[in-house]
Protein backbone atom coordinates (compact mmCIF):
# COMPACT_ATOMS: atom_id res chain seq x y z
CA MET A 1 26.48 -37.14 26.31
CA LYS A 2 24.46 -36.85 29.48
CA THR A 3 25.08 -33.81 31.60
CA ILE A 4 25.79 -35.94 34.67
CA ASN A 5 28.74 -37.55 32.88
CA ALA A 6 30.17 -34.21 31.95
CA ALA A 7 29.97 -33.03 35.54
CA ALA A 8 31.54 -36.25 36.84
CA ALA A 9 34.45 -35.85 34.47
CA VAL A 10 35.22 -32.48 35.98
CA HIS A 11 35.40 -33.83 39.53
CA CYS A 12 37.56 -36.87 38.63
CA ARG A 13 40.37 -34.86 37.05
CA PRO A 14 42.88 -32.49 38.68
CA TYR A 15 41.62 -28.92 39.00
CA ALA A 16 41.70 -27.18 35.64
CA PRO A 17 39.89 -23.83 35.55
CA GLY A 18 39.56 -23.75 31.78
CA ARG A 19 38.21 -27.28 31.56
CA ALA A 20 35.80 -26.72 34.45
CA PHE A 21 34.47 -23.52 32.88
CA ALA A 22 34.00 -25.21 29.48
CA SER A 23 32.19 -28.14 31.04
CA ALA A 24 29.97 -25.86 33.08
CA MET A 25 29.08 -23.90 29.95
CA PHE A 26 28.20 -27.16 28.22
CA VAL A 27 25.87 -28.09 31.05
CA LEU A 28 24.19 -24.69 30.92
CA ALA A 29 23.87 -24.83 27.13
CA ALA A 30 22.43 -28.32 27.20
CA THR A 31 19.85 -27.47 29.81
CA ALA A 32 18.93 -23.88 28.82
CA CYS A 33 18.51 -24.14 25.03
CA ASN A 34 15.25 -25.15 23.44
CA PHE A 35 15.61 -26.14 19.82
CA ASP A 36 11.91 -26.62 19.15
CA VAL A 37 10.68 -24.55 16.21
CA SER A 38 7.21 -23.06 16.14
CA ASN A 39 6.03 -21.39 12.92
CA PRO A 40 2.44 -20.21 13.25
CA GLY A 41 2.37 -19.13 9.62
CA PRO A 42 0.14 -16.28 8.38
CA VAL A 43 -1.84 -14.21 10.84
CA GLU A 44 -5.22 -15.76 11.48
CA ASP A 45 -8.01 -13.92 9.70
CA LYS A 46 -10.00 -13.45 12.89
CA ILE A 47 -7.16 -11.44 14.46
CA LEU A 48 -7.85 -8.64 11.98
CA ASN A 49 -11.31 -8.24 13.50
CA ASP A 50 -9.82 -7.26 16.84
CA ALA A 51 -9.90 -3.54 17.64
CA SER A 52 -6.12 -3.49 18.13
CA SER A 53 -5.70 -4.48 14.46
CA HIS A 54 -8.08 -1.96 12.93
CA SER A 55 -5.47 0.74 12.32
CA ALA A 56 -3.28 -1.83 10.57
CA VAL A 57 -6.20 -2.83 8.33
CA VAL A 58 -6.68 0.82 7.34
CA ASN A 59 -2.96 1.24 6.70
CA GLY A 60 -3.13 -1.81 4.45
CA ILE A 61 -5.52 0.04 2.14
CA ALA A 62 -3.18 3.04 2.02
CA ARG A 63 -0.21 0.81 1.23
CA ALA A 64 -2.04 -1.05 -1.57
CA LEU A 65 -3.17 2.28 -3.03
CA SER A 66 0.35 3.72 -2.94
CA ASP A 67 1.65 0.66 -4.80
CA ALA A 68 -1.04 1.08 -7.46
CA VAL A 69 -0.33 4.81 -7.81
CA ASN A 70 3.36 4.00 -8.31
CA ASN A 71 2.50 1.53 -11.05
CA HIS A 72 0.07 3.75 -12.89
CA THR A 73 1.95 7.03 -12.72
CA LEU A 74 5.17 5.51 -14.05
CA GLN A 75 3.69 3.44 -16.87
CA THR A 76 1.01 5.82 -18.10
CA SER A 77 3.31 8.85 -17.96
CA ALA A 78 5.87 6.94 -20.03
CA SER A 79 3.33 6.09 -22.72
CA THR A 80 2.05 9.69 -22.90
CA ARG A 81 5.59 11.12 -23.04
CA GLU A 82 5.38 12.89 -19.69
CA VAL A 83 8.62 11.11 -18.76
CA HIS A 84 11.28 9.33 -20.80
CA ALA A 85 13.71 6.54 -20.05
CA SER A 86 17.03 8.06 -19.05
CA GLY A 87 19.99 5.76 -18.61
CA ASN A 88 18.04 2.74 -17.43
CA THR A 89 15.71 1.38 -20.10
CA GLY A 90 14.64 -1.51 -17.87
CA THR A 91 12.40 0.87 -15.94
CA ILE A 92 10.26 1.63 -19.00
CA SER A 93 9.77 -1.21 -21.46
CA VAL A 94 9.71 -0.64 -25.21
CA GLN A 95 6.06 -1.73 -25.28
CA ILE A 96 5.02 0.75 -22.58
CA GLY A 97 6.96 3.50 -24.34
CA GLN A 98 4.88 2.74 -27.43
CA GLY A 99 1.64 2.81 -25.46
CA LEU A 100 1.12 -0.96 -25.72
CA PHE A 101 -0.27 -2.36 -22.48
CA LEU A 102 -0.12 -6.10 -23.01
CA PRO A 103 -2.28 -8.54 -20.99
CA GLU A 104 0.74 -10.56 -19.87
CA GLN A 105 2.22 -7.51 -18.18
CA GLY A 106 -0.83 -7.16 -15.96
CA GLY A 107 0.67 -4.70 -13.48
CA LEU A 108 -1.78 -1.88 -14.08
CA TRP A 109 -4.86 -4.05 -13.78
CA SER A 110 -3.69 -6.16 -10.86
CA SER A 111 -2.34 -3.31 -8.74
CA ALA A 112 -5.48 -1.19 -9.17
CA GLN A 113 -7.78 -4.13 -8.51
CA ARG A 114 -5.75 -5.20 -5.47
CA ALA A 115 -6.09 -1.72 -3.94
CA ARG A 116 -9.80 -1.62 -4.78
CA TRP A 117 -10.44 -5.06 -3.24
CA VAL A 118 -8.37 -4.36 -0.12
CA GLY A 119 -10.37 -1.16 0.39
CA ASP A 120 -13.78 -2.74 -0.13
CA ASP A 121 -12.98 -5.74 2.04
CA ALA A 122 -11.57 -3.57 4.82
CA VAL A 123 -14.79 -1.55 4.86
CA ARG A 124 -16.79 -4.78 5.10
CA ARG A 125 -14.59 -6.25 7.82
CA LEU A 126 -14.43 -3.13 9.95
CA GLY A 127 -18.17 -2.61 9.67
CA GLU A 128 -18.88 -6.17 10.80
CA ALA A 129 -16.33 -5.86 13.62
CA GLY A 130 -17.98 -2.73 15.00
CA ALA A 131 -15.02 -0.40 14.40
CA THR A 132 -15.26 3.19 15.59
CA PRO A 133 -16.66 5.86 13.24
CA ALA A 134 -13.18 7.43 13.04
CA ILE A 135 -11.65 4.17 11.80
CA LEU A 136 -14.50 3.55 9.38
CA ALA A 137 -14.16 7.07 8.01
CA GLN A 138 -10.46 6.49 7.29
CA ALA A 139 -11.19 3.16 5.62
CA ARG A 140 -13.91 4.72 3.47
CA LEU A 141 -11.56 7.54 2.45
CA TRP A 142 -8.76 5.27 1.25
CA ALA A 143 -11.25 2.88 -0.37
CA GLY A 144 -12.72 5.84 -2.21
CA PHE A 145 -9.37 6.85 -3.66
CA ALA A 146 -8.64 3.22 -4.61
CA SER A 147 -11.92 2.95 -6.54
CA ARG A 148 -11.33 6.35 -8.11
CA LEU A 149 -7.90 5.22 -9.36
CA ALA A 150 -9.40 2.09 -10.91
CA GLY A 151 -12.24 4.01 -12.54
CA ALA A 152 -9.95 6.67 -13.96
CA ASN A 153 -7.43 4.25 -15.46
CA LEU A 154 -9.14 0.96 -16.36
CA CYS A 155 -11.43 0.54 -19.36
CA GLU A 156 -13.79 -1.94 -17.68
CA ALA A 157 -14.90 -2.76 -14.16
CA VAL A 158 -14.92 -6.30 -12.85
CA ILE A 159 -15.99 -6.74 -9.24
CA ASP A 160 -14.74 -9.88 -7.52
CA GLY A 161 -14.95 -12.19 -10.49
CA GLY A 162 -18.23 -10.81 -11.84
CA ALA A 163 -19.05 -9.82 -15.40
CA ALA A 164 -17.27 -6.95 -17.13
CA GLN A 165 -19.08 -3.65 -16.64
CA ALA A 166 -18.53 -0.03 -17.58
CA HIS A 167 -15.51 1.56 -15.89
CA THR A 168 -17.87 4.10 -14.32
CA VAL A 169 -18.97 1.39 -11.87
CA PHE A 170 -15.68 1.96 -10.05
CA LEU A 171 -16.30 5.71 -10.00
CA THR A 172 -19.82 5.33 -8.63
CA ARG A 173 -18.47 3.16 -5.83
CA ALA A 174 -15.82 5.79 -5.12
CA VAL A 175 -18.52 8.45 -4.69
CA GLU A 176 -20.30 6.17 -2.22
CA HIS A 177 -17.12 5.67 -0.20
CA PHE A 178 -16.30 9.39 -0.12
CA THR A 179 -19.85 10.32 0.87
CA LYS A 180 -19.79 7.83 3.74
CA ALA A 181 -16.37 9.09 4.84
CA ILE A 182 -17.75 12.63 5.08
CA GLU A 183 -20.71 11.42 7.15
CA LEU A 184 -18.48 9.47 9.55
CA ALA A 185 -15.67 12.02 9.85
CA GLY A 186 -17.27 13.96 12.72
CA ASN A 187 -14.98 16.83 13.71
CA ASP A 188 -12.05 15.60 11.60
CA ALA A 189 -11.83 18.57 9.22
CA ASN A 190 -8.80 17.21 7.33
CA LEU A 191 -10.51 13.91 6.56
CA LYS A 192 -13.67 15.68 5.45
CA ARG A 193 -11.63 17.95 3.19
CA ALA A 194 -9.83 15.01 1.59
CA ALA A 195 -13.06 13.08 1.05
CA THR A 196 -14.84 16.12 -0.41
CA ALA A 197 -11.97 16.84 -2.80
CA GLY A 198 -11.82 13.18 -3.80
CA ARG A 199 -15.54 13.15 -4.47
CA ALA A 200 -15.31 16.37 -6.51
CA SER A 201 -12.67 14.88 -8.81
CA THR A 202 -14.71 11.67 -9.14
CA TYR A 203 -17.84 13.61 -10.07
CA ARG A 204 -15.75 15.33 -12.76
CA SER A 205 -14.74 11.94 -14.19
CA LEU A 206 -18.41 10.96 -14.21
CA GLY A 207 -19.29 14.13 -16.09
CA ASN A 208 -21.39 15.49 -13.23
CA TRP A 209 -19.97 18.99 -13.34
CA THR A 210 -22.64 20.55 -11.12
CA ALA A 211 -21.80 18.22 -8.23
CA ALA A 212 -18.08 18.51 -8.94
CA VAL A 213 -18.13 22.31 -8.74
CA ALA A 214 -20.29 22.24 -5.61
CA ASP A 215 -17.77 20.03 -3.82
CA ALA A 216 -14.70 21.80 -5.19
CA THR A 217 -15.83 25.24 -4.07
CA ARG A 218 -16.03 23.99 -0.48
CA GLU A 219 -12.27 23.43 -0.41
CA PRO A 220 -9.37 25.90 -0.66
CA ASP A 221 -7.14 25.75 -3.72
CA SER A 222 -4.23 24.89 -1.44
CA ALA A 223 -5.90 21.69 -0.15
CA ARG A 224 -3.72 18.64 -0.62
CA PHE A 225 -4.03 14.94 0.14
CA GLN A 226 -1.18 12.62 -0.75
CA ALA A 227 -0.58 8.90 -1.04
CA LYS A 228 1.62 7.56 1.74
CA TYR A 229 5.28 6.87 0.91
CA SER A 230 8.46 6.44 2.90
CA SER A 231 12.16 6.49 2.04
CA GLU A 232 12.91 4.00 4.81
CA GLU A 233 12.72 0.96 2.51
CA PRO A 234 12.50 0.40 -1.27
CA GLY A 235 9.07 -1.21 -1.06
CA GLN A 236 7.52 1.97 0.33
CA ARG A 237 9.21 4.67 -1.69
CA ASN A 238 7.67 7.01 -4.26
CA GLU A 239 9.04 5.43 -7.44
CA GLN A 240 8.27 8.37 -9.72
CA TYR A 241 10.32 10.67 -7.49
CA PHE A 242 13.07 8.12 -6.85
CA TYR A 243 13.68 7.51 -10.55
CA VAL A 244 14.48 11.18 -11.21
CA ALA A 245 16.28 11.92 -7.93
CA ASN A 246 19.76 10.62 -8.80
CA ALA A 247 19.61 8.28 -5.82
CA PRO A 248 21.97 6.86 -6.96
CA TYR A 249 21.00 6.97 -10.65
CA ARG A 250 18.47 8.65 -12.90
CA ALA A 251 16.15 6.14 -14.56
CA THR A 252 13.58 8.58 -16.00
CA SER A 253 13.63 12.23 -16.98
CA VAL A 254 11.22 15.04 -17.89
CA TRP A 255 13.84 16.61 -20.17
CA GLY A 256 12.28 17.85 -23.39
CA THR A 257 8.73 17.79 -22.03
CA MET A 258 6.48 20.63 -20.88
CA TYR A 259 6.97 19.49 -17.30
CA GLU A 260 10.67 20.39 -17.36
CA GLN A 261 9.80 24.09 -17.04
CA TYR A 262 6.30 23.78 -15.57
CA TYR A 263 7.61 22.61 -12.21
């Protein structure tokens, strides 16, 4: 129906407020609504090079690392009897409880490698885009912890489809990231502290106790740096905490382990 016909119909009939209002609304709806759909799809890669996106790129490393930490802490602690299934056996599979990490499960490898790759690629991208030293320092810090996680938990290192190498390759890369973070941190004492502590623990995993002690003694025993989590949505929560928090159920428990009294 053309809008001119609808308007003409109103004027040809006796005055009817309801009908006139309905017809007028039809005219407005027909002329004001645009039913075209535009779906630009994924964000263009080049947008991430813009300075306004740099903080989001850094946060992407932190998010990927937090996901990997969730995966590794839950599954490895179950296989080493640090936690037990408690009322919800779907959280911990029988295989994981037995210490069998099967290739088809893949979560440990893929989550650690995803965090490692996101960190390395963010460092590359931000460096090429001319990001500020502060942003680069943050990226290096998170990338360092991502590589440290991979080196501490995976038996072999594979970098972007290359040949299998010793797991220490991840750890060496972590030291490089932490060292660069310290150099770029400027007056950011908290970032320097986190990078130094991260490097100390990585040196320990590499067996370089002299360097580990040298870094560790620079930091107070109370120093703490934590993965980023949020209770705002399930995808960002700390799973290890959530599963023992009765919110609303208890999926794992430390009952009967040394950690029951230790904490």
